[in-house]
Amino acid sequence: MLEQFSSLLPRAAKPKPPVKWAGGKAQLIPQFEPLFPKKEYNLYIEPFVGGGAVFFHLLPRRAILIDSNEELINFYLVVRDRLEELLRDLRKHKNTQEYYYSVRALDPQELSPVERASRFLYLNKTAYNGLWRVNSQGKHNVPFGRYKNPKIVDEPNLRSVAGALKHAQVICDDFSRVLEFARPGTFVYLDPPYYPLSDTANFTGYTSDAFGPEDQKRLAAVFRELDRSGCLVMLSNSDTPFIRELYSGYDIQVVYARRAINCRPDRRGPITELVVRNYR
């Protein structure tokens, strides 16, 4: 595989995902490792970057990271380009319920990019269950988490994250934007909001726009177009008949995940998920 940027970093400096994200892939990396391309790739693209666990593990020399969540993308841009300002702003935050709700009530559109990124990370670190969720008006609506000592300012990791992001173009857009950059030899990892296992299991609250069956079909069409373009494509999704049918004809592997973001502890156990690839 193409020599990765990680080889240039001390082992302890390798970044961890800076935010907790529903469906984050950090726990699945050991199962993903044998599923990543064995061929060399000249560009890595992740159109649903979220917490970025796969990107921060692979640390490719060239990457394009895309997500439709404006708050998330602004955060990554500020970490990459204005880290010192962000670190200063983060130190003002307090871990109290009154302060939390005052920050949550702020309109991010009225904040500077640095203030907006600081608010985003603070809410991510102190909200209940580390959950980022917005309502139909796009407003963050997760209650205070009551954590004793949340690590709001993880300066060493944020510096490592900033270093990794220097190698990435970061874009706020729909996942279909990936087609603009697709070339033979590109590795694309797709990690969309999952198709629900049941009618009551639907979590697509990263943005105010739901990700429904038609979006899943549109994504499958993009997967096929990337395949035709000569890209190496890997996709994660729920283990359901609908998803298996959408990607029939491709290599489908099963991995086991423990999903911790659920209001009911008895539903946080291991579940099967699918990894779909156009290569072996």
C-alpha atoms as a PDB file:
ATOM      1  CA  MET A   1       0.000   0.000   0.000  1.00  0.00           C
ATOM      2  CA  LEU A   2       1.105   3.569  -0.593  1.00  0.00           C
ATOM      3  CA  GLU A   3       3.439   4.732   2.172  1.00  0.00           C
ATOM      4  CA  GLN A   4       1.270   6.618   4.636  1.00  0.00           C
ATOM      5  CA  PHE A   5       1.856   9.901   6.431  1.00  0.00           C
ATOM      6  CA  SER A   6       1.632   7.972   9.715  1.00  0.00           C
ATOM      7  CA  SER A   7       5.102   6.587   9.082  1.00  0.00           C
ATOM      8  CA  LEU A   8       6.448  10.116   9.525  1.00  0.00           C
ATOM      9  CA  LEU A   9       4.886  10.507  12.987  1.00  0.00           C
ATOM     10  CA  PRO A  10       5.984   9.113  16.349  1.00  0.00           C
ATOM     11  CA  ARG A  11       3.568   6.379  17.350  1.00  0.00           C
ATOM     12  CA  ALA A  12       2.232   8.365  20.324  1.00  0.00           C
ATOM     13  CA  ALA A  13       1.468  11.350  18.074  1.00  0.00           C
ATOM     14  CA  LYS A  14      -0.962   9.519  15.810  1.00  0.00           C
ATOM     15  CA  PRO A  15      -4.247  11.442  16.090  1.00  0.00           C
ATOM     16  CA  LYS A  16      -7.485  10.109  17.493  1.00  0.00           C
ATOM     17  CA  PRO A  17     -10.873  11.306  16.229  1.00  0.00           C
ATOM     18  CA  PRO A  18     -11.308  14.700  17.920  1.00  0.00           C
ATOM     19  CA  VAL A  19     -15.101  14.380  18.236  1.00  0.00           C
ATOM     20  CA  LYS A  20     -17.425  11.600  19.268  1.00  0.00           C
ATOM     21  CA  TRP A  21     -19.791  10.793  16.414  1.00  0.00           C
ATOM     22  CA  ALA A  22     -22.746   8.436  16.188  1.00  0.00           C
ATOM     23  CA  GLY A  23     -21.636   5.437  14.143  1.00  0.00           C
ATOM     24  CA  GLY A  24     -17.953   6.244  14.622  1.00  0.00           C
ATOM     25  CA  LYS A  25     -15.606   3.572  13.270  1.00  0.00           C
ATOM     26  CA  ALA A  26     -12.712   3.583  15.753  1.00  0.00           C
ATOM     27  CA  GLN A  27     -13.801   0.284  17.313  1.00  0.00           C
ATOM     28  CA  LEU A  28     -14.025  -1.375  13.883  1.00  0.00           C
ATOM     29  CA  ILE A  29     -10.530  -0.498  12.651  1.00  0.00           C
ATOM     30  CA  PRO A  30      -9.069  -3.924  13.594  1.00  0.00           C
ATOM     31  CA  GLN A  31     -11.804  -5.628  11.541  1.00  0.00           C
ATOM     32  CA  PHE A  32     -11.380  -3.110   8.702  1.00  0.00           C
ATOM     33  CA  GLU A  33      -7.611  -3.551   8.465  1.00  0.00           C
ATOM     34  CA  PRO A  34      -7.695  -6.696   6.272  1.00  0.00           C
ATOM     35  CA  LEU A  35     -10.471  -5.141   4.168  1.00  0.00           C
ATOM     36  CA  PHE A  36      -8.591  -1.999   3.136  1.00  0.00           C
ATOM     37  CA  PRO A  37      -7.082  -2.044  -0.382  1.00  0.00           C
ATOM     38  CA  LYS A  38      -3.852  -3.942  -0.808  1.00  0.00           C
ATOM     39  CA  LYS A  39      -3.159  -1.964  -3.986  1.00  0.00           C
ATOM     40  CA  GLU A  40      -1.493   1.414  -3.852  1.00  0.00           C
ATOM     41  CA  TYR A  41      -3.835   4.402  -4.088  1.00  0.00           C
ATOM     42  CA  ASN A  42      -2.882   7.969  -4.950  1.00  0.00           C
ATOM     43  CA  LEU A  43      -5.797   9.782  -3.279  1.00  0.00           C
ATOM     44  CA  TYR A  44      -8.161   9.043  -0.378  1.00  0.00           C
ATOM     45  CA  ILE A  45     -11.706  10.467  -0.365  1.00  0.00           C
ATOM     46  CA  GLU A  46     -14.226  10.199   2.455  1.00  0.00           C
ATOM     47  CA  PRO A  47     -17.586  11.790   1.535  1.00  0.00           C
ATOM     48  CA  PHE A  48     -19.216  11.231   4.973  1.00  0.00           C
ATOM     49  CA  VAL A  49     -16.188  12.022   7.109  1.00  0.00           C
ATOM     50  CA  GLY A  50     -17.979  12.394  10.469  1.00  0.00           C
ATOM     51  CA  GLY A  51     -15.488  11.705  13.268  1.00  0.00           C
ATOM     52  CA  GLY A  52     -12.880  10.629  10.709  1.00  0.00           C
ATOM     53  CA  ALA A  53     -11.701   7.427  12.432  1.00  0.00           C
ATOM     54  CA  VAL A  54     -10.665   5.768   9.158  1.00  0.00           C
ATOM     55  CA  PHE A  55      -8.906   8.891   7.864  1.00  0.00           C
ATOM     56  CA  PHE A  56      -7.006   9.388  11.124  1.00  0.00           C
ATOM     57  CA  HIS A  57      -5.997   5.719  11.070  1.00  0.00           C
ATOM     58  CA  LEU A  58      -4.813   5.604   7.462  1.00  0.00           C
ATOM     59  CA  LEU A  59      -3.304   9.125   7.416  1.00  0.00           C
ATOM     60  CA  PRO A  60      -2.976   9.263   3.624  1.00  0.00           C
ATOM     61  CA  ARG A  61      -0.619  11.743   1.986  1.00  0.00           C
ATOM     62  CA  ARG A  62      -3.477  13.233  -0.070  1.00  0.00           C
ATOM     63  CA  ALA A  63      -7.095  13.291   1.003  1.00  0.00           C
ATOM     64  CA  ILE A  64     -10.425  14.951   0.307  1.00  0.00           C
ATOM     65  CA  LEU A  65     -12.836  14.986   3.235  1.00  0.00           C
ATOM     66  CA  ILE A  66     -16.485  15.836   2.609  1.00  0.00           C
ATOM     67  CA  ASP A  67     -19.493  16.143   4.909  1.00  0.00           C
ATOM     68  CA  SER A  68     -22.832  17.966   4.712  1.00  0.00           C
ATOM     69  CA  ASN A  69     -22.629  19.043   8.370  1.00  0.00           C
ATOM     70  CA  GLU A  70     -21.574  22.704   8.348  1.00  0.00           C
ATOM     71  CA  GLU A  71     -20.595  22.705  12.015  1.00  0.00           C
ATOM     72  CA  LEU A  72     -18.326  19.699  11.610  1.00  0.00           C
ATOM     73  CA  ILE A  73     -16.601  21.011   8.490  1.00  0.00           C
ATOM     74  CA  ASN A  74     -16.092  24.458  10.018  1.00  0.00           C
ATOM     75  CA  PHE A  75     -14.521  22.729  13.038  1.00  0.00           C
ATOM     76  CA  TYR A  76     -12.050  20.770  10.899  1.00  0.00           C
ATOM     77  CA  LEU A  77     -11.104  23.878   8.914  1.00  0.00           C
ATOM     78  CA  VAL A  78     -10.483  25.876  12.088  1.00  0.00           C
ATOM     79  CA  VAL A  79      -8.410  23.071  13.638  1.00  0.00           C
ATOM     80  CA  ARG A  80      -6.322  22.895  10.464  1.00  0.00           C
ATOM     81  CA  ASP A  81      -5.895  26.628   9.830  1.00  0.00           C
ATOM     82  CA  ARG A  82      -6.471  28.492  13.129  1.00  0.00           C
ATOM     83  CA  LEU A  83      -5.568  26.071  15.884  1.00  0.00           C
ATOM     84  CA  GLU A  84      -3.921  28.556  18.272  1.00  0.00           C
ATOM     85  CA  GLU A  85      -7.013  30.779  18.238  1.00  0.00           C
ATOM     86  CA  LEU A  86      -9.240  27.770  18.832  1.00  0.00           C
ATOM     87  CA  LEU A  87      -7.167  26.563  21.795  1.00  0.00           C
ATOM     88  CA  ARG A  88      -7.404  30.000  23.413  1.00  0.00           C
ATOM     89  CA  ASP A  89     -11.172  30.111  22.950  1.00  0.00           C
ATOM     90  CA  LEU A  90     -11.723  26.568  24.240  1.00  0.00           C
ATOM     91  CA  ARG A  91     -10.137  27.441  27.588  1.00  0.00           C
ATOM     92  CA  LYS A  92     -13.006  29.797  28.457  1.00  0.00           C
ATOM     93  CA  HIS A  93     -15.602  27.018  28.703  1.00  0.00           C
ATOM     94  CA  LYS A  94     -17.145  25.771  31.958  1.00  0.00           C
ATOM     95  CA  ASN A  95     -18.618  22.377  32.739  1.00  0.00           C
ATOM     96  CA  THR A  96     -21.836  23.568  34.366  1.00  0.00           C
ATOM     97  CA  GLN A  97     -25.439  23.029  33.364  1.00  0.00           C
ATOM     98  CA  GLU A  98     -26.282  26.739  33.239  1.00  0.00           C
ATOM     99  CA  TYR A  99     -23.270  27.527  31.067  1.00  0.00           C
ATOM    100  CA  TYR A 100     -23.947  24.536  28.795  1.00  0.00           C
ATOM    101  CA  TYR A 101     -27.476  25.675  27.960  1.00  0.00           C
ATOM    102  CA  SER A 102     -26.318  29.253  27.384  1.00  0.00           C
ATOM    103  CA  VAL A 103     -23.762  28.007  24.838  1.00  0.00           C
ATOM    104  CA  ARG A 104     -26.262  25.629  23.258  1.00  0.00           C
ATOM    105  CA  ALA A 105     -28.698  28.522  22.764  1.00  0.00           C
ATOM    106  CA  LEU A 106     -26.189  30.561  20.740  1.00  0.00           C
ATOM    107  CA  ASP A 107     -26.859  30.893  17.016  1.00  0.00           C
ATOM    108  CA  PRO A 108     -23.730  29.513  15.295  1.00  0.00           C
ATOM    109  CA  GLN A 109     -24.440  31.708  12.261  1.00  0.00           C
ATOM    110  CA  GLU A 110     -23.778  34.764  14.431  1.00  0.00           C
ATOM    111  CA  LEU A 111     -20.395  33.507  15.683  1.00  0.00           C
ATOM    112  CA  SER A 112     -16.959  33.788  14.133  1.00  0.00           C
ATOM    113  CA  PRO A 113     -15.554  30.564  12.627  1.00  0.00           C
ATOM    114  CA  VAL A 114     -13.299  30.104  15.679  1.00  0.00           C
ATOM    115  CA  GLU A 115     -16.131  30.714  18.162  1.00  0.00           C
ATOM    116  CA  ARG A 116     -18.357  28.386  16.181  1.00  0.00           C
ATOM    117  CA  ALA A 117     -15.755  25.600  16.201  1.00  0.00           C
ATOM    118  CA  SER A 118     -15.183  26.126  19.923  1.00  0.00           C
ATOM    119  CA  ARG A 119     -18.913  25.871  20.625  1.00  0.00           C
ATOM    120  CA  PHE A 120     -19.160  22.728  18.494  1.00  0.00           C
ATOM    121  CA  LEU A 121     -16.363  20.918  20.320  1.00  0.00           C
ATOM    122  CA  TYR A 122     -17.569  22.058  23.751  1.00  0.00           C
ATOM    123  CA  LEU A 123     -21.086  20.748  23.094  1.00  0.00           C
ATOM    124  CA  ASN A 124     -19.701  17.494  21.684  1.00  0.00           C
ATOM    125  CA  LYS A 125     -17.595  16.907  24.806  1.00  0.00           C
ATOM    126  CA  THR A 126     -20.252  17.859  27.379  1.00  0.00           C
ATOM    127  CA  ALA A 127     -23.584  16.795  25.814  1.00  0.00           C
ATOM    128  CA  TYR A 128     -25.365  13.673  27.042  1.00  0.00           C
ATOM    129  CA  ASN A 129     -23.745  10.541  25.589  1.00  0.00           C
ATOM    130  CA  GLY A 130     -21.412  12.669  23.469  1.00  0.00           C
ATOM    131  CA  LEU A 131     -24.212  12.962  20.955  1.00  0.00           C
ATOM    132  CA  TRP A 132     -24.471  15.570  18.196  1.00  0.00           C
ATOM    133  CA  ARG A 133     -28.093  15.824  17.116  1.00  0.00           C
ATOM    134  CA  VAL A 134     -30.114  18.659  15.618  1.00  0.00           C
ATOM    135  CA  ASN A 135     -33.854  19.198  15.180  1.00  0.00           C
ATOM    136  CA  SER A 136     -35.703  20.090  11.981  1.00  0.00           C
ATOM    137  CA  GLN A 137     -34.671  23.728  12.425  1.00  0.00           C
ATOM    138  CA  GLY A 138     -31.019  22.673  12.558  1.00  0.00           C
ATOM    139  CA  LYS A 139     -30.668  23.491  16.271  1.00  0.00           C
ATOM    140  CA  HIS A 140     -28.631  21.312  18.603  1.00  0.00           C
ATOM    141  CA  ASN A 141     -31.059  19.733  21.073  1.00  0.00           C
ATOM    142  CA  VAL A 142     -29.066  17.302  23.251  1.00  0.00           C
ATOM    143  CA  PRO A 143     -29.289  17.806  27.050  1.00  0.00           C
ATOM    144  CA  PHE A 144     -26.359  18.452  29.389  1.00  0.00           C
ATOM    145  CA  GLY A 145     -24.296  15.323  30.041  1.00  0.00           C
ATOM    146  CA  ARG A 146     -23.311  15.896  33.699  1.00  0.00           C
ATOM    147  CA  TYR A 147     -19.805  14.504  33.168  1.00  0.00           C
ATOM    148  CA  LYS A 148     -17.477  15.060  36.104  1.00  0.00           C
ATOM    149  CA  ASN A 149     -14.371  16.108  34.179  1.00  0.00           C
ATOM    150  CA  PRO A 150     -14.785  16.083  30.378  1.00  0.00           C
ATOM    151  CA  LYS A 151     -11.604  16.654  28.373  1.00  0.00           C
ATOM    152  CA  ILE A 152     -12.656  19.767  26.494  1.00  0.00           C
ATOM    153  CA  VAL A 153      -9.108  20.893  25.622  1.00  0.00           C
ATOM    154  CA  ASP A 154      -7.040  17.924  24.440  1.00  0.00           C
ATOM    155  CA  GLU A 155      -4.212  20.028  23.066  1.00  0.00           C
ATOM    156  CA  PRO A 156      -1.758  17.237  22.104  1.00  0.00           C
ATOM    157  CA  ASN A 157      -4.392  15.398  20.096  1.00  0.00           C
ATOM    158  CA  LEU A 158      -5.735  18.561  18.476  1.00  0.00           C
ATOM    159  CA  ARG A 159      -2.202  19.364  17.329  1.00  0.00           C
ATOM    160  CA  SER A 160      -1.863  15.887  15.822  1.00  0.00           C
ATOM    161  CA  VAL A 161      -5.268  16.262  14.164  1.00  0.00           C
ATOM    162  CA  ALA A 162      -4.231  19.636  12.717  1.00  0.00           C
ATOM    163  CA  GLY A 163      -1.081  18.052  11.286  1.00  0.00           C
ATOM    164  CA  ALA A 164      -3.079  15.290   9.593  1.00  0.00           C
ATOM    165  CA  LEU A 165      -5.590  17.773   8.170  1.00  0.00           C
ATOM    166  CA  LYS A 166      -2.784  19.745   6.492  1.00  0.00           C
ATOM    167  CA  HIS A 167      -2.783  16.915   3.936  1.00  0.00           C
ATOM    168  CA  ALA A 168      -6.520  17.185   3.265  1.00  0.00           C
ATOM    169  CA  GLN A 169      -8.912  19.302   1.287  1.00  0.00           C
ATOM    170  CA  VAL A 170     -11.995  19.771   3.494  1.00  0.00           C
ATOM    171  CA  ILE A 171     -15.360  20.432   1.834  1.00  0.00           C
ATOM    172  CA  CYS A 172     -18.917  20.988   3.055  1.00  0.00           C
ATOM    173  CA  ASP A 173     -21.192  19.422   0.452  1.00  0.00           C
ATOM    174  CA  ASP A 174     -23.383  16.497  -0.530  1.00  0.00           C
ATOM    175  CA  PHE A 175     -21.667  13.112  -0.816  1.00  0.00           C
ATOM    176  CA  SER A 176     -22.187  13.101  -4.602  1.00  0.00           C
ATOM    177  CA  ARG A 177     -19.450  15.735  -4.866  1.00  0.00           C
ATOM    178  CA  VAL A 178     -17.040  12.791  -4.715  1.00  0.00           C
ATOM    179  CA  LEU A 179     -17.700  12.169  -8.414  1.00  0.00           C
ATOM    180  CA  GLU A 180     -15.968  15.443  -9.262  1.00  0.00           C
ATOM    181  CA  PHE A 181     -12.682  14.097  -7.868  1.00  0.00           C
ATOM    182  CA  ALA A 182     -12.944  10.403  -8.752  1.00  0.00           C
ATOM    183  CA  ARG A 183     -10.033   9.101 -10.807  1.00  0.00           C
ATOM    184  CA  PRO A 184      -8.578   5.632 -11.360  1.00  0.00           C
ATOM    185  CA  GLY A 185      -6.459   4.674  -8.369  1.00  0.00           C
ATOM    186  CA  THR A 186      -8.493   6.679  -5.847  1.00  0.00           C
ATOM    187  CA  PHE A 187      -9.643   4.942  -2.641  1.00  0.00           C
ATOM    188  CA  VAL A 188     -13.126   6.067  -1.555  1.00  0.00           C
ATOM    189  CA  TYR A 189     -14.578   5.075   1.808  1.00  0.00           C
ATOM    190  CA  LEU A 190     -18.326   5.700   2.188  1.00  0.00           C
ATOM    191  CA  ASP A 191     -19.833   5.724   5.693  1.00  0.00           C
ATOM    192  CA  PRO A 192     -23.367   7.127   5.322  1.00  0.00           C
ATOM    193  CA  PRO A 193     -26.111   7.394   7.932  1.00  0.00           C
ATOM    194  CA  TYR A 194     -27.212   3.777   8.143  1.00  0.00           C
ATOM    195  CA  TYR A 195     -30.444   2.376   6.799  1.00  0.00           C
ATOM    196  CA  PRO A 196     -32.525   1.686   9.946  1.00  0.00           C
ATOM    197  CA  LEU A 197     -32.787  -1.845  11.289  1.00  0.00           C
ATOM    198  CA  SER A 198     -36.396  -1.071  12.250  1.00  0.00           C
ATOM    199  CA  ASP A 199     -38.906   1.763  11.979  1.00  0.00           C
ATOM    200  CA  THR A 200     -37.949   2.982  15.472  1.00  0.00           C
ATOM    201  CA  ALA A 201     -34.177   2.681  15.024  1.00  0.00           C
ATOM    202  CA  ASN A 202     -33.757   5.535  12.575  1.00  0.00           C
ATOM    203  CA  PHE A 203     -30.959   7.920  13.621  1.00  0.00           C
ATOM    204  CA  THR A 204     -30.038  10.449  10.944  1.00  0.00           C
ATOM    205  CA  GLY A 205     -29.860  13.559  13.100  1.00  0.00           C
ATOM    206  CA  TYR A 206     -26.334  14.711  12.226  1.00  0.00           C
ATOM    207  CA  THR A 207     -27.909  17.429  10.076  1.00  0.00           C
ATOM    208  CA  SER A 208     -31.463  18.732   9.757  1.00  0.00           C
ATOM    209  CA  ASP A 209     -31.942  16.743   6.523  1.00  0.00           C
ATOM    210  CA  ALA A 210     -32.957  13.103   6.970  1.00  0.00           C
ATOM    211  CA  PHE A 211     -31.154  10.401   4.964  1.00  0.00           C
ATOM    212  CA  GLY A 212     -33.919   8.158   3.662  1.00  0.00           C
ATOM    213  CA  PRO A 213     -34.320   5.218   1.252  1.00  0.00           C
ATOM    214  CA  GLU A 214     -34.093   7.422  -1.833  1.00  0.00           C
ATOM    215  CA  ASP A 215     -30.780   8.805  -0.567  1.00  0.00           C
ATOM    216  CA  GLN A 216     -29.556   5.237  -0.055  1.00  0.00           C
ATOM    217  CA  LYS A 217     -30.476   4.450  -3.665  1.00  0.00           C
ATOM    218  CA  ARG A 218     -28.718   7.599  -4.857  1.00  0.00           C
ATOM    219  CA  LEU A 219     -25.654   6.564  -2.875  1.00  0.00           C
ATOM    220  CA  ALA A 220     -25.696   3.099  -4.466  1.00  0.00           C
ATOM    221  CA  ALA A 221     -25.747   4.770  -7.879  1.00  0.00           C
ATOM    222  CA  VAL A 222     -22.714   6.865  -6.879  1.00  0.00           C
ATOM    223  CA  PHE A 223     -20.964   3.679  -5.676  1.00  0.00           C
ATOM    224  CA  ARG A 224     -21.523   2.086  -9.096  1.00  0.00           C
ATOM    225  CA  GLU A 225     -20.292   5.215 -10.891  1.00  0.00           C
ATOM    226  CA  LEU A 226     -17.132   5.240  -8.760  1.00  0.00           C
ATOM    227  CA  ASP A 227     -16.647   1.571  -9.621  1.00  0.00           C
ATOM    228  CA  ARG A 228     -16.926   2.367 -13.339  1.00  0.00           C
ATOM    229  CA  SER A 229     -14.414   5.211 -12.869  1.00  0.00           C
ATOM    230  CA  GLY A 230     -11.729   2.790 -11.683  1.00  0.00           C
ATOM    231  CA  CYS A 231     -11.824   3.775  -8.013  1.00  0.00           C
ATOM    232  CA  LEU A 232     -11.325   1.378  -5.119  1.00  0.00           C
ATOM    233  CA  VAL A 233     -14.583   1.704  -3.168  1.00  0.00           C
ATOM    234  CA  MET A 234     -15.479   0.510   0.324  1.00  0.00           C
ATOM    235  CA  LEU A 235     -18.817   1.210   2.023  1.00  0.00           C
ATOM    236  CA  SER A 236     -20.269   0.582   5.488  1.00  0.00           C
ATOM    237  CA  ASN A 237     -23.974   0.185   6.197  1.00  0.00           C
ATOM    238  CA  SER A 238     -26.488  -1.764   8.235  1.00  0.00           C
ATOM    239  CA  ASP A 239     -27.017  -5.477   7.728  1.00  0.00           C
ATOM    240  CA  THR A 240     -30.488  -5.386   6.166  1.00  0.00           C
ATOM    241  CA  PRO A 241     -32.093  -7.035   3.129  1.00  0.00           C
ATOM    242  CA  PHE A 242     -32.544  -3.579   1.563  1.00  0.00           C
ATOM    243  CA  ILE A 243     -28.804  -2.796   1.680  1.00  0.00           C
ATOM    244  CA  ARG A 244     -27.800  -6.317   0.608  1.00  0.00           C
ATOM    245  CA  GLU A 245     -30.084  -5.987  -2.422  1.00  0.00           C
ATOM    246  CA  LEU A 246     -28.762  -2.510  -3.313  1.00  0.00           C
ATOM    247  CA  TYR A 247     -25.200  -3.845  -3.479  1.00  0.00           C
ATOM    248  CA  SER A 248     -25.803  -7.344  -4.807  1.00  0.00           C
ATOM    249  CA  GLY A 249     -22.988  -8.364  -7.127  1.00  0.00           C
ATOM    250  CA  TYR A 250     -20.296  -6.703  -4.995  1.00  0.00           C
ATOM    251  CA  ASP A 251     -18.131  -8.261  -2.299  1.00  0.00           C
ATOM    252  CA  ILE A 252     -20.078  -8.095   0.993  1.00  0.00           C
ATOM    253  CA  GLN A 253     -18.361  -8.775   4.323  1.00  0.00           C
ATOM    254  CA  VAL A 254     -19.867  -8.831   7.825  1.00  0.00           C
ATOM    255  CA  VAL A 255     -18.288  -7.047  10.789  1.00  0.00           C
ATOM    256  CA  TYR A 256     -19.436  -6.836  14.392  1.00  0.00           C
ATOM    257  CA  ALA A 257     -19.995  -3.495  16.089  1.00  0.00           C
ATOM    258  CA  ARG A 258     -21.042  -2.434  19.544  1.00  0.00           C
ATOM    259  CA  ARG A 259     -23.283   0.582  19.270  1.00  0.00           C
ATOM    260  CA  ALA A 260     -23.081   2.697  22.439  1.00  0.00           C
ATOM    261  CA  ILE A 261     -25.226   5.674  21.367  1.00  0.00           C
ATOM    262  CA  ASN A 262     -28.674   4.457  22.359  1.00  0.00           C
ATOM    263  CA  CYS A 263     -30.976   5.708  25.097  1.00  0.00           C
ATOM    264  CA  ARG A 264     -31.591   2.112  26.223  1.00  0.00           C
ATOM    265  CA  PRO A 265     -28.505   0.321  27.619  1.00  0.00           C
ATOM    266  CA  ASP A 266     -29.990  -3.091  26.789  1.00  0.00           C
ATOM    267  CA  ARG A 267     -29.801  -2.162  23.082  1.00  0.00           C
ATOM    268  CA  ARG A 268     -26.120  -1.292  23.078  1.00  0.00           C
ATOM    269  CA  GLY A 269     -24.830  -4.799  22.378  1.00  0.00           C
ATOM    270  CA  PRO A 270     -22.974  -6.179  19.339  1.00  0.00           C
ATOM    271  CA  ILE A 271     -24.748  -6.042  15.998  1.00  0.00           C
ATOM    272  CA  THR A 272     -23.705  -7.104  12.521  1.00  0.00           C
ATOM    273  CA  GLU A 273     -22.848  -4.478   9.930  1.00  0.00           C
ATOM    274  CA  LEU A 274     -21.938  -4.783   6.275  1.00  0.00           C
ATOM    275  CA  VAL A 275     -18.798  -3.741   4.451  1.00  0.00           C
ATOM    276  CA  VAL A 276     -19.281  -3.583   0.689  1.00  0.00           C
ATOM    277  CA  ARG A 277     -16.286  -3.487  -1.669  1.00  0.00           C
ATOM    278  CA  ASN A 278     -15.696  -3.434  -5.407  1.00  0.00           C
ATOM    279  CA  TYR A 279     -12.351  -5.205  -4.908  1.00  0.00           C
ATOM    280  CA  ARG A 280     -10.999  -8.166  -2.976  1.00  0.00           C
END
